[in-house]
Amino acid sequence: MAAIAFRECPAMPLPATPTPWIPYLLPLLLGWVYYRRIRRSFGPQPWQPRRTLLRLVMLVLVGAMLGVAATVVPQSGPALVGGAAAGLLLGWIGVRHTHAEWRGGVRTYIPNPWIGGVLTLVLLGRLAWRYLHAGGLQAAGQPSALTLGLAAALVAYGLAYSIGLLRRMAALGAHPPAA
């Protein structure tokens, strides 16, 4: 084989420090994501089984990553177990207070807005506190046991709620009842 000759290309220099707007962009992006999540906690929601299955897969992956993080962060095991137990209990309660029905030929559900909303706001409050008081973006790569416990509660809540919602919608039936 012939040797391949590489010619030098002028490389664009990388900035030594991140651009000054990144610390403001990250909270805005997180705020938008959480706004969308909280918005889906109110009023009738159309049943989207693919989205629920995708959410389940993603939550399992995030849960696995939290398990790996438990090996790195000291004394995070009890926080993760406690958070997961609380999240499972809250998810079970949330499913019991979710109303499923047929509306206009579409399966819909009305979630309980308080449980998921409060859990999300607690995690957001914790992240905001760490962002403002514990070093900003430098602290983002060093989660504490409390933050991991709250994240485990949110992941376990999402898993329990999604599984319960799948079961609730299966019990509702595939076709609307005859009028």
C-alpha atoms as a PDB file:
ATOM      1  CA  MET A   1       0.000   0.000   0.000  1.00  0.00           C
ATOM      2  CA  ALA A   2       1.136   3.455  -0.745  1.00  0.00           C
ATOM      3  CA  ALA A   3       1.828   5.739   2.120  1.00  0.00           C
ATOM      4  CA  ILE A   4      -0.696   8.467   2.576  1.00  0.00           C
ATOM      5  CA  ALA A   5       0.771  11.901   2.798  1.00  0.00           C
ATOM      6  CA  PHE A   6      -0.922  14.346   5.067  1.00  0.00           C
ATOM      7  CA  ARG A   7      -0.519  17.988   4.463  1.00  0.00           C
ATOM      8  CA  GLU A   8      -0.806  20.432   7.239  1.00  0.00           C
ATOM      9  CA  CYS A   9      -4.079  22.238   7.581  1.00  0.00           C
ATOM     10  CA  PRO A  10      -4.287  25.471   9.447  1.00  0.00           C
ATOM     11  CA  ALA A  11      -6.146  24.674  12.603  1.00  0.00           C
ATOM     12  CA  MET A  12      -8.521  27.095  14.192  1.00  0.00           C
ATOM     13  CA  PRO A  13      -7.327  27.827  17.703  1.00  0.00           C
ATOM     14  CA  LEU A  14      -9.670  26.784  20.489  1.00  0.00           C
ATOM     15  CA  PRO A  15     -10.534  29.386  23.091  1.00  0.00           C
ATOM     16  CA  ALA A  16      -8.690  28.929  26.359  1.00  0.00           C
ATOM     17  CA  THR A  17     -11.804  29.700  28.389  1.00  0.00           C
ATOM     18  CA  PRO A  18     -15.436  28.962  27.629  1.00  0.00           C
ATOM     19  CA  THR A  19     -17.512  31.735  26.171  1.00  0.00           C
ATOM     20  CA  PRO A  20     -18.985  34.060  28.776  1.00  0.00           C
ATOM     21  CA  TRP A  21     -22.616  33.227  27.974  1.00  0.00           C
ATOM     22  CA  ILE A  22     -22.419  29.482  28.719  1.00  0.00           C
ATOM     23  CA  PRO A  23     -23.079  29.917  32.481  1.00  0.00           C
ATOM     24  CA  TYR A  24     -26.318  31.704  31.551  1.00  0.00           C
ATOM     25  CA  LEU A  25     -27.327  29.330  28.759  1.00  0.00           C
ATOM     26  CA  LEU A  26     -27.226  26.139  30.858  1.00  0.00           C
ATOM     27  CA  PRO A  27     -29.760  27.313  33.476  1.00  0.00           C
ATOM     28  CA  LEU A  28     -32.027  28.607  30.691  1.00  0.00           C
ATOM     29  CA  LEU A  29     -31.885  25.248  28.929  1.00  0.00           C
ATOM     30  CA  LEU A  30     -32.610  23.380  32.165  1.00  0.00           C
ATOM     31  CA  GLY A  31     -35.434  25.813  32.902  1.00  0.00           C
ATOM     32  CA  TRP A  32     -37.013  25.135  29.506  1.00  0.00           C
ATOM     33  CA  VAL A  33     -36.748  21.362  29.989  1.00  0.00           C
ATOM     34  CA  TYR A  34     -38.333  21.545  33.420  1.00  0.00           C
ATOM     35  CA  TYR A  35     -41.029  23.952  32.212  1.00  0.00           C
ATOM     36  CA  ARG A  36     -42.057  21.359  29.636  1.00  0.00           C
ATOM     37  CA  ARG A  37     -42.017  18.621  32.272  1.00  0.00           C
ATOM     38  CA  ILE A  38     -44.119  20.598  34.732  1.00  0.00           C
ATOM     39  CA  ARG A  39     -46.539  21.687  31.997  1.00  0.00           C
ATOM     40  CA  ARG A  40     -47.298  18.000  31.285  1.00  0.00           C
ATOM     41  CA  SER A  41     -48.381  17.571  34.912  1.00  0.00           C
ATOM     42  CA  PHE A  42     -51.552  19.624  34.524  1.00  0.00           C
ATOM     43  CA  GLY A  43     -54.806  18.859  32.738  1.00  0.00           C
ATOM     44  CA  PRO A  44     -55.783  15.992  30.450  1.00  0.00           C
ATOM     45  CA  GLN A  45     -52.840  14.437  28.615  1.00  0.00           C
ATOM     46  CA  PRO A  46     -53.191  12.261  25.509  1.00  0.00           C
ATOM     47  CA  TRP A  47     -51.848   8.765  26.025  1.00  0.00           C
ATOM     48  CA  GLN A  48     -48.681   8.209  24.007  1.00  0.00           C
ATOM     49  CA  PRO A  49     -47.419   4.676  24.665  1.00  0.00           C
ATOM     50  CA  ARG A  50     -44.220   5.081  22.636  1.00  0.00           C
ATOM     51  CA  ARG A  51     -43.242   8.153  24.619  1.00  0.00           C
ATOM     52  CA  THR A  52     -43.909   6.292  27.868  1.00  0.00           C
ATOM     53  CA  LEU A  53     -41.794   3.320  26.764  1.00  0.00           C
ATOM     54  CA  LEU A  54     -38.995   5.640  25.661  1.00  0.00           C
ATOM     55  CA  ARG A  55     -39.211   7.410  29.032  1.00  0.00           C
ATOM     56  CA  LEU A  56     -38.944   4.040  30.780  1.00  0.00           C
ATOM     57  CA  VAL A  57     -35.812   3.114  28.828  1.00  0.00           C
ATOM     58  CA  MET A  58     -34.221   6.498  29.509  1.00  0.00           C
ATOM     59  CA  LEU A  59     -35.052   6.335  33.214  1.00  0.00           C
ATOM     60  CA  VAL A  60     -33.536   2.859  33.492  1.00  0.00           C
ATOM     61  CA  LEU A  61     -30.345   4.185  31.884  1.00  0.00           C
ATOM     62  CA  VAL A  62     -30.256   7.220  34.190  1.00  0.00           C
ATOM     63  CA  GLY A  63     -30.894   4.935  37.164  1.00  0.00           C
ATOM     64  CA  ALA A  64     -27.938   2.804  36.113  1.00  0.00           C
ATOM     65  CA  MET A  65     -25.787   5.935  35.875  1.00  0.00           C
ATOM     66  CA  LEU A  66     -26.881   6.937  39.372  1.00  0.00           C
ATOM     67  CA  GLY A  67     -25.812   3.501  40.567  1.00  0.00           C
ATOM     68  CA  VAL A  68     -22.385   4.048  39.018  1.00  0.00           C
ATOM     69  CA  ALA A  69     -22.208   7.506  40.608  1.00  0.00           C
ATOM     70  CA  ALA A  70     -22.857   5.897  43.982  1.00  0.00           C
ATOM     71  CA  THR A  71     -19.493   4.168  43.713  1.00  0.00           C
ATOM     72  CA  VAL A  72     -17.728   7.506  43.218  1.00  0.00           C
ATOM     73  CA  VAL A  73     -19.501   9.821  45.668  1.00  0.00           C
ATOM     74  CA  PRO A  74     -18.746   8.969  49.298  1.00  0.00           C
ATOM     75  CA  GLN A  75     -21.670   7.975  51.526  1.00  0.00           C
ATOM     76  CA  SER A  76     -24.199   8.241  48.686  1.00  0.00           C
ATOM     77  CA  GLY A  77     -25.489   4.658  48.938  1.00  0.00           C
ATOM     78  CA  PRO A  78     -27.988   5.313  51.758  1.00  0.00           C
ATOM     79  CA  ALA A  79     -29.140   8.534  50.057  1.00  0.00           C
ATOM     80  CA  LEU A  80     -29.738   6.683  46.783  1.00  0.00           C
ATOM     81  CA  VAL A  81     -31.615   3.832  48.476  1.00  0.00           C
ATOM     82  CA  GLY A  82     -33.720   6.219  50.558  1.00  0.00           C
ATOM     83  CA  GLY A  83     -34.447   8.453  47.578  1.00  0.00           C
ATOM     84  CA  ALA A  84     -35.398   5.478  45.406  1.00  0.00           C
ATOM     85  CA  ALA A  85     -37.714   4.088  48.108  1.00  0.00           C
ATOM     86  CA  ALA A  86     -39.410   7.467  48.545  1.00  0.00           C
ATOM     87  CA  GLY A  87     -39.731   7.859  44.762  1.00  0.00           C
ATOM     88  CA  LEU A  88     -41.301   4.416  44.372  1.00  0.00           C
ATOM     89  CA  LEU A  89     -43.817   5.175  47.113  1.00  0.00           C
ATOM     90  CA  LEU A  90     -44.671   8.568  45.613  1.00  0.00           C
ATOM     91  CA  GLY A  91     -44.984   7.007  42.148  1.00  0.00           C
ATOM     92  CA  TRP A  92     -47.422   4.427  43.470  1.00  0.00           C
ATOM     93  CA  ILE A  93     -49.460   7.167  45.171  1.00  0.00           C
ATOM     94  CA  GLY A  94     -49.329   9.279  41.996  1.00  0.00           C
ATOM     95  CA  VAL A  95     -50.701   6.451  39.847  1.00  0.00           C
ATOM     96  CA  ARG A  96     -53.502   5.847  42.338  1.00  0.00           C
ATOM     97  CA  HIS A  97     -54.494   9.523  42.001  1.00  0.00           C
ATOM     98  CA  THR A  98     -54.288   9.580  38.191  1.00  0.00           C
ATOM     99  CA  HIS A  99     -57.580   9.467  36.329  1.00  0.00           C
ATOM    100  CA  ALA A 100     -57.656   7.587  32.978  1.00  0.00           C
ATOM    101  CA  GLU A 101     -60.525   7.936  30.523  1.00  0.00           C
ATOM    102  CA  TRP A 102     -61.557   8.063  26.896  1.00  0.00           C
ATOM    103  CA  ARG A 103     -62.042  11.593  25.512  1.00  0.00           C
ATOM    104  CA  GLY A 104     -63.171  12.015  21.932  1.00  0.00           C
ATOM    105  CA  GLY A 105     -62.004   8.526  21.014  1.00  0.00           C
ATOM    106  CA  VAL A 106     -58.531   9.106  22.475  1.00  0.00           C
ATOM    107  CA  ARG A 107     -57.167   7.530  25.643  1.00  0.00           C
ATOM    108  CA  THR A 108     -56.223  10.298  28.038  1.00  0.00           C
ATOM    109  CA  TYR A 109     -55.076  10.585  31.615  1.00  0.00           C
ATOM    110  CA  ILE A 110     -55.167  13.380  34.130  1.00  0.00           C
ATOM    111  CA  PRO A 111     -52.089  13.193  36.366  1.00  0.00           C
ATOM    112  CA  ASN A 112     -51.935  14.356  39.945  1.00  0.00           C
ATOM    113  CA  PRO A 113     -49.939  17.566  39.576  1.00  0.00           C
ATOM    114  CA  TRP A 114     -48.765  17.865  43.168  1.00  0.00           C
ATOM    115  CA  ILE A 115     -46.539  14.855  43.670  1.00  0.00           C
ATOM    116  CA  GLY A 116     -44.440  15.091  40.511  1.00  0.00           C
ATOM    117  CA  GLY A 117     -44.410  18.886  40.623  1.00  0.00           C
ATOM    118  CA  VAL A 118     -43.213  19.094  44.213  1.00  0.00           C
ATOM    119  CA  LEU A 119     -40.547  16.451  43.629  1.00  0.00           C
ATOM    120  CA  THR A 120     -39.321  18.318  40.550  1.00  0.00           C
ATOM    121  CA  LEU A 121     -39.261  21.658  42.373  1.00  0.00           C
ATOM    122  CA  VAL A 122     -37.283  20.153  45.271  1.00  0.00           C
ATOM    123  CA  LEU A 123     -34.659  18.835  42.851  1.00  0.00           C
ATOM    124  CA  LEU A 124     -34.572  22.153  40.972  1.00  0.00           C
ATOM    125  CA  GLY A 125     -34.175  24.019  44.256  1.00  0.00           C
ATOM    126  CA  ARG A 126     -31.287  21.771  45.234  1.00  0.00           C
ATOM    127  CA  LEU A 127     -29.591  22.212  41.849  1.00  0.00           C
ATOM    128  CA  ALA A 128     -30.080  25.990  41.992  1.00  0.00           C
ATOM    129  CA  TRP A 129     -28.627  26.133  45.504  1.00  0.00           C
ATOM    130  CA  ARG A 130     -25.580  24.151  44.431  1.00  0.00           C
ATOM    131  CA  TYR A 131     -25.199  26.311  41.336  1.00  0.00           C
ATOM    132  CA  LEU A 132     -25.364  29.577  43.282  1.00  0.00           C
ATOM    133  CA  HIS A 133     -23.588  28.602  46.521  1.00  0.00           C
ATOM    134  CA  ALA A 134     -21.268  25.731  45.778  1.00  0.00           C
ATOM    135  CA  GLY A 135     -19.144  26.958  42.920  1.00  0.00           C
ATOM    136  CA  GLY A 136     -21.407  27.278  39.860  1.00  0.00           C
ATOM    137  CA  LEU A 137     -20.483  25.102  36.912  1.00  0.00           C
ATOM    138  CA  GLN A 138     -17.379  23.761  38.669  1.00  0.00           C
ATOM    139  CA  ALA A 139     -19.624  22.013  41.212  1.00  0.00           C
ATOM    140  CA  ALA A 140     -21.824  20.488  38.486  1.00  0.00           C
ATOM    141  CA  GLY A 141     -19.367  17.653  37.935  1.00  0.00           C
ATOM    142  CA  GLN A 142     -19.171  16.825  41.657  1.00  0.00           C
ATOM    143  CA  PRO A 143     -22.628  15.761  42.848  1.00  0.00           C
ATOM    144  CA  SER A 144     -23.326  15.425  46.544  1.00  0.00           C
ATOM    145  CA  ALA A 145     -25.084  12.520  48.226  1.00  0.00           C
ATOM    146  CA  LEU A 146     -28.179  14.679  48.809  1.00  0.00           C
ATOM    147  CA  THR A 147     -28.396  15.659  45.143  1.00  0.00           C
ATOM    148  CA  LEU A 148     -27.990  12.028  44.088  1.00  0.00           C
ATOM    149  CA  GLY A 149     -30.683  10.983  46.569  1.00  0.00           C
ATOM    150  CA  LEU A 150     -33.103  13.555  45.152  1.00  0.00           C
ATOM    151  CA  ALA A 151     -32.260  12.456  41.611  1.00  0.00           C
ATOM    152  CA  ALA A 152     -32.858   8.821  42.615  1.00  0.00           C
ATOM    153  CA  ALA A 153     -36.254   9.800  44.047  1.00  0.00           C
ATOM    154  CA  LEU A 154     -37.179  11.533  40.801  1.00  0.00           C
ATOM    155  CA  VAL A 155     -36.008   8.595  38.657  1.00  0.00           C
ATOM    156  CA  ALA A 156     -37.787   6.025  40.846  1.00  0.00           C
ATOM    157  CA  TYR A 157     -40.939   8.152  40.801  1.00  0.00           C
ATOM    158  CA  GLY A 158     -40.801   8.310  36.993  1.00  0.00           C
ATOM    159  CA  LEU A 159     -40.272   4.548  36.726  1.00  0.00           C
ATOM    160  CA  ALA A 160     -43.103   3.673  39.113  1.00  0.00           C
ATOM    161  CA  TYR A 161     -45.448   6.199  37.541  1.00  0.00           C
ATOM    162  CA  SER A 162     -44.709   5.107  33.960  1.00  0.00           C
ATOM    163  CA  ILE A 163     -45.153   1.414  34.770  1.00  0.00           C
ATOM    164  CA  GLY A 164     -48.360   2.167  36.650  1.00  0.00           C
ATOM    165  CA  LEU A 165     -49.631   4.299  33.786  1.00  0.00           C
ATOM    166  CA  LEU A 166     -48.918   1.497  31.304  1.00  0.00           C
ATOM    167  CA  ARG A 167     -50.962  -0.871  33.455  1.00  0.00           C
ATOM    168  CA  ARG A 168     -53.751   1.669  33.964  1.00  0.00           C
ATOM    169  CA  MET A 169     -54.051   2.331  30.218  1.00  0.00           C
ATOM    170  CA  ALA A 170     -54.000  -1.399  29.415  1.00  0.00           C
ATOM    171  CA  ALA A 171     -56.913  -1.847  31.822  1.00  0.00           C
ATOM    172  CA  LEU A 172     -58.756   0.989  30.055  1.00  0.00           C
ATOM    173  CA  GLY A 173     -58.837  -1.083  26.859  1.00  0.00           C
ATOM    174  CA  ALA A 174     -57.653  -0.575  23.310  1.00  0.00           C
ATOM    175  CA  HIS A 175     -60.973   0.700  21.951  1.00  0.00           C
ATOM    176  CA  PRO A 176     -63.427   3.238  23.344  1.00  0.00           C
ATOM    177  CA  PRO A 177     -66.556   1.820  24.921  1.00  0.00           C
ATOM    178  CA  ALA A 178     -69.730   1.854  22.842  1.00  0.00           C
ATOM    179  CA  ALA A 179     -71.784   4.970  23.452  1.00  0.00           C
END
